[in-house]
N, C-alpha and C. Protein backbone atom coordinates (compact mmCIF):
# COMPACT_ATOMS: atom_id res chain seq x y z
N MET A 1 124.11 56.89 36.46
CA MET A 1 124.79 57.78 37.25
C MET A 1 125.33 58.79 36.27
N VAL A 2 125.91 58.37 35.24
CA VAL A 2 126.82 59.06 34.44
C VAL A 2 125.64 60.22 33.50
N TYR A 3 124.79 60.12 33.58
CA TYR A 3 123.37 61.40 33.29
C TYR A 3 123.35 62.40 34.19
N ASN A 4 123.45 62.13 35.28
CA ASN A 4 123.28 62.62 36.54
C ASN A 4 124.57 63.60 36.73
N GLU A 5 126.08 62.79 36.54
CA GLU A 5 126.93 63.68 36.37
C GLU A 5 127.43 64.71 35.37
N MET A 6 126.42 64.42 34.32
CA MET A 6 126.79 65.40 33.14
C MET A 6 125.67 66.61 33.52
N ILE A 7 124.34 66.05 34.07
CA ILE A 7 123.32 67.35 34.17
C ILE A 7 124.12 68.02 35.52
N GLY A 8 124.83 67.88 36.38
CA GLY A 8 125.18 68.40 37.42
C GLY A 8 126.53 69.48 36.89
N TRP A 9 127.03 69.21 35.98
CA TRP A 9 128.53 69.69 35.29
C TRP A 9 127.92 70.47 34.07
N LEU A 10 127.09 70.23 33.82
CA LEU A 10 126.15 71.55 32.80
C LEU A 10 125.33 72.57 33.51
N GLY A 11 124.90 72.41 34.75
CA GLY A 11 124.02 73.07 35.29
C GLY A 11 125.19 74.02 36.58
N SER A 12 126.04 73.62 36.59
CA SER A 12 127.37 74.40 37.09
C SER A 12 128.01 75.10 36.56
N ILE A 13 128.33 74.56 35.36
CA ILE A 13 128.73 75.60 34.09
C ILE A 13 128.27 76.98 33.50
N LEU A 14 126.40 76.62 33.90
CA LEU A 14 125.89 77.63 33.46
C LEU A 14 125.89 78.71 34.34
N PHE A 15 125.72 77.76 35.69
CA PHE A 15 125.47 79.11 37.06
C PHE A 15 126.84 79.52 37.18
N ALA A 16 127.82 79.05 36.65
CA ALA A 16 129.11 79.55 36.84
C ALA A 16 129.67 80.89 35.58
N VAL A 17 129.05 80.25 34.94
CA VAL A 17 129.27 81.81 33.99
C VAL A 17 128.46 82.95 34.03
N CYS A 18 127.27 82.95 34.49
CA CYS A 18 126.35 83.94 34.48
C CYS A 18 126.64 85.32 34.83
N ALA A 19 127.84 85.11 35.93
CA ALA A 19 128.90 86.43 36.25
C ALA A 19 129.54 86.95 34.86
N LEU A 20 129.92 86.40 34.26
CA LEU A 20 131.14 86.60 33.21
C LEU A 20 130.72 87.85 32.22
N PRO A 21 129.40 87.73 31.54
CA PRO A 21 128.84 88.81 30.73
C PRO A 21 129.26 90.35 31.42
N GLN A 22 128.88 90.44 33.04
CA GLN A 22 128.83 91.44 33.50
C GLN A 22 130.12 91.83 34.17
N ALA A 23 130.91 90.84 34.42
CA ALA A 23 132.82 90.95 34.55
C ALA A 23 133.02 91.77 33.02
N ILE A 24 132.90 90.46 32.42
CA ILE A 24 133.66 91.68 30.91
C ILE A 24 133.09 93.07 30.63
N HIS A 25 131.84 93.40 30.56
CA HIS A 25 131.34 94.67 30.39
C HIS A 25 132.10 95.51 31.60
N THR A 26 131.91 95.06 32.45
CA THR A 26 132.83 96.13 33.55
C THR A 26 134.10 96.64 33.30
N TYR A 27 134.96 95.31 32.83
CA TYR A 27 136.45 95.34 32.53
C TYR A 27 136.70 96.29 31.13
N ARG A 28 135.57 95.95 29.99
CA ARG A 28 136.06 96.66 29.15
C ARG A 28 135.52 98.35 29.14
N THR A 29 134.06 98.77 29.95
CA THR A 29 133.81 100.24 30.43
C THR A 29 134.63 100.89 31.68
N LYS A 30 135.09 99.96 32.35
CA LYS A 30 135.85 100.45 33.21
C LYS A 30 134.91 101.07 34.14
N LYS A 31 133.42 101.08 34.11
CA LYS A 31 132.53 101.53 34.96
C LYS A 31 131.56 100.67 36.04
N SER A 32 131.51 101.07 37.16
CA SER A 32 130.79 100.08 38.14
C SER A 32 129.66 100.80 38.75
N ASP A 33 129.38 101.96 38.77
CA ASP A 33 128.08 102.36 39.35
C ASP A 33 127.38 101.78 39.18
N ASP A 34 126.93 100.91 38.14
CA ASP A 34 125.70 100.54 37.98
C ASP A 34 125.36 99.20 38.79
N LEU A 35 126.82 98.97 39.38
CA LEU A 35 126.63 97.56 40.41
C LEU A 35 126.01 97.52 41.53
N SER A 36 125.46 97.11 41.90
CA SER A 36 124.77 97.63 43.45
C SER A 36 125.21 96.55 44.28
N GLU A 37 126.00 97.50 45.32
CA GLU A 37 127.28 97.17 46.06
C GLU A 37 126.33 96.18 47.43
N LEU A 38 125.22 96.47 47.76
CA LEU A 38 124.75 95.68 48.57
C LEU A 38 124.47 94.30 47.78
N PHE A 39 124.06 93.73 46.52
CA PHE A 39 124.05 93.09 45.89
C PHE A 39 125.20 91.92 45.87
N LEU A 40 126.21 92.89 45.76
CA LEU A 40 127.68 92.03 45.23
C LEU A 40 127.76 91.65 46.74
N TRP A 41 127.83 92.01 47.87
CA TRP A 41 128.35 91.52 49.30
C TRP A 41 127.22 90.60 49.42
N LEU A 42 126.07 90.35 49.28
CA LEU A 42 125.26 89.58 49.73
C LEU A 42 125.46 88.03 48.93
N TRP A 43 125.78 88.34 47.73
CA TRP A 43 125.92 87.32 46.65
C TRP A 43 127.56 86.57 47.31
N PHE A 44 128.55 87.54 47.59
CA PHE A 44 129.61 87.08 47.97
C PHE A 44 129.48 86.15 49.16
N LEU A 45 128.76 86.73 50.07
CA LEU A 45 128.45 85.88 51.14
C LEU A 45 127.92 84.30 51.00
N GLY A 46 126.80 84.81 50.07
CA GLY A 46 125.98 83.60 49.96
C GLY A 46 127.20 82.24 49.51
N GLU A 47 127.97 82.74 48.34
CA GLU A 47 128.83 81.55 47.79
C GLU A 47 129.81 81.23 48.65
N VAL A 48 130.57 81.91 49.73
CA VAL A 48 131.15 81.91 51.03
C VAL A 48 130.32 80.52 51.56
N PHE A 49 129.18 80.76 52.39
CA PHE A 49 128.45 80.18 53.02
C PHE A 49 128.42 78.87 52.49
N THR A 50 127.60 78.90 51.34
CA THR A 50 127.27 77.66 50.44
C THR A 50 128.43 76.74 50.18
N LEU A 51 129.42 77.39 49.75
CA LEU A 51 130.85 76.71 49.55
C LEU A 51 131.05 75.56 50.89
N THR A 52 130.74 76.68 52.20
CA THR A 52 131.34 75.96 53.37
C THR A 52 130.88 74.94 53.36
N TYR A 53 129.58 74.95 53.41
CA TYR A 53 128.33 74.59 53.97
C TYR A 53 128.30 72.97 52.77
N ILE A 54 128.77 72.90 51.80
CA ILE A 54 129.12 71.81 50.72
C ILE A 54 130.67 71.20 51.22
N LEU A 55 131.29 71.47 51.41
CA LEU A 55 132.49 71.01 51.35
C LEU A 55 132.62 70.66 52.80
N TYR A 56 131.89 71.07 53.79
CA TYR A 56 132.02 70.32 54.85
C TYR A 56 131.25 69.03 54.95
N GLY A 57 129.79 69.10 54.46
CA GLY A 57 129.04 68.01 54.07
C GLY A 57 129.33 67.14 53.22
N ASP A 58 130.73 67.39 52.01
CA ASP A 58 131.21 66.44 51.29
C ASP A 58 132.11 65.73 52.32
N ILE A 59 133.04 66.30 52.96
CA ILE A 59 134.33 65.92 54.26
C ILE A 59 133.72 64.55 55.02
N VAL A 60 132.04 65.48 55.59
CA VAL A 60 131.67 64.41 56.53
C VAL A 60 131.27 62.87 55.97
N THR A 61 130.03 62.86 54.78
CA THR A 61 129.49 61.80 53.93
C THR A 61 130.88 61.30 53.18
N GLY A 62 132.12 61.90 52.56
CA GLY A 62 132.71 61.34 51.69
C GLY A 62 132.69 61.28 50.43
N ILE A 63 130.80 61.87 49.90
CA ILE A 63 130.59 62.39 48.76
C ILE A 63 131.16 63.82 48.11
N TYR A 64 131.81 63.42 47.07
CA TYR A 64 132.54 64.74 46.79
C TYR A 64 131.90 65.47 45.43
N HIS A 65 131.20 66.30 45.56
CA HIS A 65 130.57 67.21 44.34
C HIS A 65 131.39 68.22 43.50
N ILE A 66 132.25 67.73 42.57
CA ILE A 66 132.96 68.53 41.97
C ILE A 66 132.68 69.48 41.31
N PRO A 67 131.41 69.11 40.64
CA PRO A 67 130.64 70.19 39.86
C PRO A 67 130.48 71.44 40.59
N LEU A 68 129.87 71.16 41.82
CA LEU A 68 129.82 72.79 42.87
C LEU A 68 130.95 73.27 42.95
N TYR A 69 131.74 72.71 43.27
CA TYR A 69 133.13 73.62 43.65
C TYR A 69 133.84 74.52 42.68
N PHE A 70 133.72 73.64 41.61
CA PHE A 70 133.94 74.42 39.87
C PHE A 70 132.72 75.87 40.06
N ASN A 71 131.21 75.68 40.12
CA ASN A 71 130.52 76.65 40.34
C ASN A 71 131.11 77.38 41.20
N TYR A 72 130.94 77.32 42.56
CA TYR A 72 131.29 78.40 43.63
C TYR A 72 132.49 78.96 43.65
N ILE A 73 133.62 78.41 43.69
CA ILE A 73 135.15 78.88 43.06
C ILE A 73 135.18 79.72 41.94
N PHE A 74 134.47 79.30 40.75
CA PHE A 74 134.78 80.44 39.71
C PHE A 74 134.06 81.68 40.21
N ASN A 75 132.49 81.48 40.67
CA ASN A 75 131.72 82.52 41.04
C ASN A 75 132.25 83.33 41.86
N LEU A 76 133.65 83.30 42.73
CA LEU A 76 133.81 83.78 43.71
C LEU A 76 135.18 84.37 43.21
N PHE A 77 135.52 84.04 41.98
CA PHE A 77 136.68 84.96 41.45
C PHE A 77 136.04 86.02 40.57
N LEU A 78 134.90 85.64 40.24
CA LEU A 78 134.71 86.39 39.16
C LEU A 78 133.72 87.79 39.94
N LEU A 79 133.47 87.35 41.39
CA LEU A 79 132.70 88.16 42.43
C LEU A 79 134.12 89.08 43.11
N PHE A 80 135.56 88.58 43.16
CA PHE A 80 136.80 89.32 43.22
C PHE A 80 136.88 90.70 42.89
N TYR A 81 136.35 90.18 41.13
CA TYR A 81 136.93 91.45 40.18
C TYR A 81 135.98 92.26 40.49
N LEU A 82 134.67 92.08 40.31
CA LEU A 82 133.02 92.83 40.49
C LEU A 82 133.50 93.52 42.01
N LEU A 83 133.72 93.17 42.86
CA LEU A 83 133.88 94.02 43.93
C LEU A 83 134.58 94.89 43.98
N TYR A 84 136.27 94.34 43.16
CA TYR A 84 137.31 95.41 43.20
C TYR A 84 137.13 96.35 41.96
N ALA A 85 136.27 96.04 41.17
CA ALA A 85 135.88 97.02 39.96
C ALA A 85 135.02 97.93 40.83
N LYS A 86 134.08 97.96 41.23
CA LYS A 86 133.18 98.65 42.36
C LYS A 86 133.65 99.27 42.84
N TYR A 87 134.76 99.02 44.01
CA TYR A 87 135.60 100.55 44.60
C TYR A 87 136.83 101.11 43.67
N HIS A 88 137.34 100.38 42.80
CA HIS A 88 138.32 100.91 42.02
C HIS A 88 137.56 102.10 40.86
N TYR A 89 136.67 101.70 40.29
CA TYR A 89 136.23 102.47 39.21
C TYR A 89 135.08 103.55 39.64
N ALA A 90 134.57 103.21 40.86
CA ALA A 90 133.46 103.88 41.19
C ALA A 90 133.77 105.61 41.34
N THR A 91 132.41 106.12 40.91
CA THR A 91 132.71 107.62 40.34
C THR A 91 131.14 107.85 41.41
N LYS A 92 130.35 107.17 42.06
CA LYS A 92 129.54 107.61 43.13
C LYS A 92 130.36 107.23 44.44
N THR A 93 130.13 107.73 45.82
CA THR A 93 130.43 107.29 47.03
C THR A 93 129.80 106.02 47.39
N THR A 94 130.20 105.08 47.77
CA THR A 94 129.82 103.53 48.17
C THR A 94 129.80 103.80 49.66
N TRP A 95 128.90 102.90 49.96
CA TRP A 95 128.66 102.36 51.57
C TRP A 95 130.45 102.35 52.23
N LEU A 96 130.93 101.23 51.85
CA LEU A 96 131.96 101.37 52.07
C LEU A 96 132.72 102.63 52.55
N LYS A 97 132.94 103.36 51.89
CA LYS A 97 133.81 104.55 51.71
C LYS A 97 133.05 105.68 52.75
N LEU A 98 131.98 105.95 52.70
CA LEU A 98 131.14 106.56 53.73
C LEU A 98 131.35 105.90 55.25
N ILE A 99 131.36 104.61 55.49
CA ILE A 99 131.75 103.98 56.35
C ILE A 99 133.35 104.33 56.95
N LEU A 100 134.05 104.05 55.98
CA LEU A 100 135.52 104.66 56.65
C LEU A 100 135.77 105.75 56.62
N ASN A 101 135.20 106.78 56.04
CA ASN A 101 135.20 108.21 56.21
C ASN A 101 134.46 108.84 57.56
N LYS A 102 133.84 107.87 58.23
CA LYS A 102 132.93 108.16 59.44
C LYS A 102 133.96 107.52 60.63
N VAL A 103 134.29 106.29 60.17
CA VAL A 103 135.57 105.61 61.41
C VAL A 103 136.76 106.59 61.21
N LEU A 104 137.00 107.18 60.37
CA LEU A 104 138.27 107.73 60.61
C LEU A 104 138.02 109.07 60.90
N LYS A 105 136.94 109.82 60.87
CA LYS A 105 136.93 110.95 61.24
C LYS A 105 136.90 110.73 62.51
N ASN A 106 135.98 110.02 63.17
CA ASN A 106 135.67 109.56 64.68
C ASN A 106 137.18 109.51 65.27
N GLN A 107 138.35 108.85 64.56
CA GLN A 107 139.58 108.61 64.99
C GLN A 107 140.17 109.62 65.03
N GLY A 108 140.03 110.73 64.48
CA GLY A 108 140.68 112.07 64.30
C GLY A 108 141.98 111.78 63.34
N VAL A 109 141.77 111.08 62.18
CA VAL A 109 142.76 110.48 61.38
C VAL A 109 142.43 111.88 59.82
């Protein structure tokens, strides 16, 4: 059981830090045009739904998967920054900006 727990932690840490190089690069360069807006949102939603699934299952069964919580929460933290950067540093028009412009234009704002 101890080996399985160690493997779980190792895998969760490796998955959690996958986004770290991109977040560091984006922070240093202050450029986000190369980040796919759709990819970031799909990734974000995938993380939220999977974490919700795991938490619910763990509460029902009483078996808690702490390494997975670490992975998903750390990834969500990095994703919040990457989504912020995507809209804050963007020089190209994003889908969200296009939609907001269209909605505001239709409302006469």
